Amino acid sequence: MDVMIQKQDRMLEKQDQMLDTQKEMVKLQHHLLDEVKDSRRDLKTYLDQRFEKLEGEVGEMRFALKAKGII
């Protein structure tokens, strides 16, 4: 009977270790997800600024072309 209890105790310890490992993995996944979200935000901000600049430049070119009677 004692052997059975010891085996169950070892099994519970291993399950606890496994749970700790899974918790750590979840923490790492959350950290990675946060990093990806931050990168996407940074990229979106950068692209929005670039598109805004390009749209302004295209508008200026169109105005200049219209002023010259080209379009």
C-alpha atoms as a PDB file:
ATOM      1  CA  MET A   1       0.000   0.000   0.000  1.00  0.00           C
ATOM      2  CA  ASP A   2       2.859   2.380   0.824  1.00  0.00           C
ATOM      3  CA  VAL A   3       4.405   1.752  -2.572  1.00  0.00           C
ATOM      4  CA  MET A   4       1.158   2.733  -4.255  1.00  0.00           C
ATOM      5  CA  ILE A   5       0.949   5.949  -2.256  1.00  0.00           C
ATOM      6  CA  GLN A   6       4.570   6.766  -3.108  1.00  0.00           C
ATOM      7  CA  LYS A   7       3.902   6.216  -6.785  1.00  0.00           C
ATOM      8  CA  GLN A   8       0.844   8.437  -6.615  1.00  0.00           C
ATOM      9  CA  ASP A   9       2.881  11.113  -4.840  1.00  0.00           C
ATOM     10  CA  ARG A  10       5.547  10.958  -7.560  1.00  0.00           C
ATOM     11  CA  MET A  11       2.887  11.158 -10.195  1.00  0.00           C
ATOM     12  CA  LEU A  12       1.371  14.221  -8.526  1.00  0.00           C
ATOM     13  CA  GLU A  13       4.805  15.848  -8.336  1.00  0.00           C
ATOM     14  CA  LYS A  14       5.329  15.231 -12.036  1.00  0.00           C
ATOM     15  CA  GLN A  15       1.914  16.674 -12.798  1.00  0.00           C
ATOM     16  CA  ASP A  16       2.809  19.754 -10.745  1.00  0.00           C
ATOM     17  CA  GLN A  17       6.036  20.103 -12.718  1.00  0.00           C
ATOM     18  CA  MET A  18       4.117  19.777 -15.938  1.00  0.00           C
ATOM     19  CA  LEU A  19       1.646  22.457 -14.846  1.00  0.00           C
ATOM     20  CA  ASP A  20       4.514  24.787 -13.950  1.00  0.00           C
ATOM     21  CA  THR A  21       6.043  24.191 -17.362  1.00  0.00           C
ATOM     22  CA  GLN A  22       2.723  24.903 -19.056  1.00  0.00           C
ATOM     23  CA  LYS A  23       2.273  28.104 -17.028  1.00  0.00           C
ATOM     24  CA  GLU A  24       5.720  29.274 -18.088  1.00  0.00           C
ATOM     25  CA  MET A  25       4.917  28.462 -21.705  1.00  0.00           C
ATOM     26  CA  VAL A  26       1.696  30.474 -21.521  1.00  0.00           C
ATOM     27  CA  LYS A  27       3.644  33.435 -20.065  1.00  0.00           C
ATOM     28  CA  LEU A  28       6.101  33.243 -22.946  1.00  0.00           C
ATOM     29  CA  GLN A  29       3.274  33.058 -25.461  1.00  0.00           C
ATOM     30  CA  HIS A  30       1.642  36.144 -23.930  1.00  0.00           C
ATOM     31  CA  HIS A  31       4.963  37.969 -24.071  1.00  0.00           C
ATOM     32  CA  LEU A  32       5.418  37.007 -27.716  1.00  0.00           C
ATOM     33  CA  LEU A  33       1.874  38.093 -28.519  1.00  0.00           C
ATOM     34  CA  ASP A  34       2.503  41.478 -26.879  1.00  0.00           C
ATOM     35  CA  GLU A  35       5.693  41.893 -28.924  1.00  0.00           C
ATOM     36  CA  VAL A  36       3.845  41.094 -32.151  1.00  0.00           C
ATOM     37  CA  LYS A  37       1.036  43.524 -31.293  1.00  0.00           C
ATOM     38  CA  ASP A  38       3.559  46.284 -30.551  1.00  0.00           C
ATOM     39  CA  SER A  39       5.362  45.616 -33.823  1.00  0.00           C
ATOM     40  CA  ARG A  40       2.114  45.753 -35.766  1.00  0.00           C
ATOM     41  CA  ARG A  41       1.172  49.035 -34.078  1.00  0.00           C
ATOM     42  CA  ASP A  42       4.577  50.517 -34.908  1.00  0.00           C
ATOM     43  CA  LEU A  43       4.356  49.356 -38.507  1.00  0.00           C
ATOM     44  CA  LYS A  44       0.805  50.675 -38.901  1.00  0.00           C
ATOM     45  CA  THR A  45       1.821  54.078 -37.549  1.00  0.00           C
ATOM     46  CA  TYR A  46       4.792  54.211 -39.896  1.00  0.00           C
ATOM     47  CA  LEU A  47       2.749  53.154 -42.924  1.00  0.00           C
ATOM     48  CA  ASP A  48      -0.037  55.614 -42.107  1.00  0.00           C
ATOM     49  CA  GLN A  49       2.518  58.441 -42.011  1.00  0.00           C
ATOM     50  CA  ARG A  50       4.094  57.345 -45.292  1.00  0.00           C
ATOM     51  CA  PHE A  51       0.721  57.049 -47.051  1.00  0.00           C
ATOM     52  CA  GLU A  52      -0.307  60.467 -45.772  1.00  0.00           C
ATOM     53  CA  LYS A  53       2.920  61.971 -47.129  1.00  0.00           C
ATOM     54  CA  LEU A  54       2.510  60.187 -50.473  1.00  0.00           C
ATOM     55  CA  GLU A  55      -1.101  61.312 -50.795  1.00  0.00           C
ATOM     56  CA  GLY A  56       0.001  64.893 -50.174  1.00  0.00           C
ATOM     57  CA  GLU A  57       2.737  64.642 -52.781  1.00  0.00           C
ATOM     58  CA  VAL A  58       0.355  63.125 -55.336  1.00  0.00           C
ATOM     59  CA  GLY A  59      -2.084  65.959 -54.645  1.00  0.00           C
ATOM     60  CA  GLU A  60       0.667  68.518 -55.246  1.00  0.00           C
ATOM     61  CA  MET A  61       1.655  66.803 -58.500  1.00  0.00           C
ATOM     62  CA  ARG A  62      -1.942  66.747 -59.697  1.00  0.00           C
ATOM     63  CA  PHE A  63      -2.313  70.431 -58.859  1.00  0.00           C
ATOM     64  CA  ALA A  64       0.894  71.266 -60.767  1.00  0.00           C
ATOM     65  CA  LEU A  65      -0.187  69.172 -63.764  1.00  0.00           C
ATOM     66  CA  LYS A  66      -3.616  70.848 -63.804  1.00  0.00           C
ATOM     67  CA  ALA A  67      -1.995  74.282 -63.544  1.00  0.00           C
ATOM     68  CA  LYS A  68       0.118  73.478 -66.621  1.00  0.00           C
ATOM     69  CA  GLY A  69      -2.944  72.173 -68.453  1.00  0.00           C
ATOM     70  CA  ILE A  70      -1.507  68.687 -68.727  1.00  0.00           C
ATOM     71  CA  ILE A  71      -4.505  67.047 -67.083  1.00  0.00           C
END
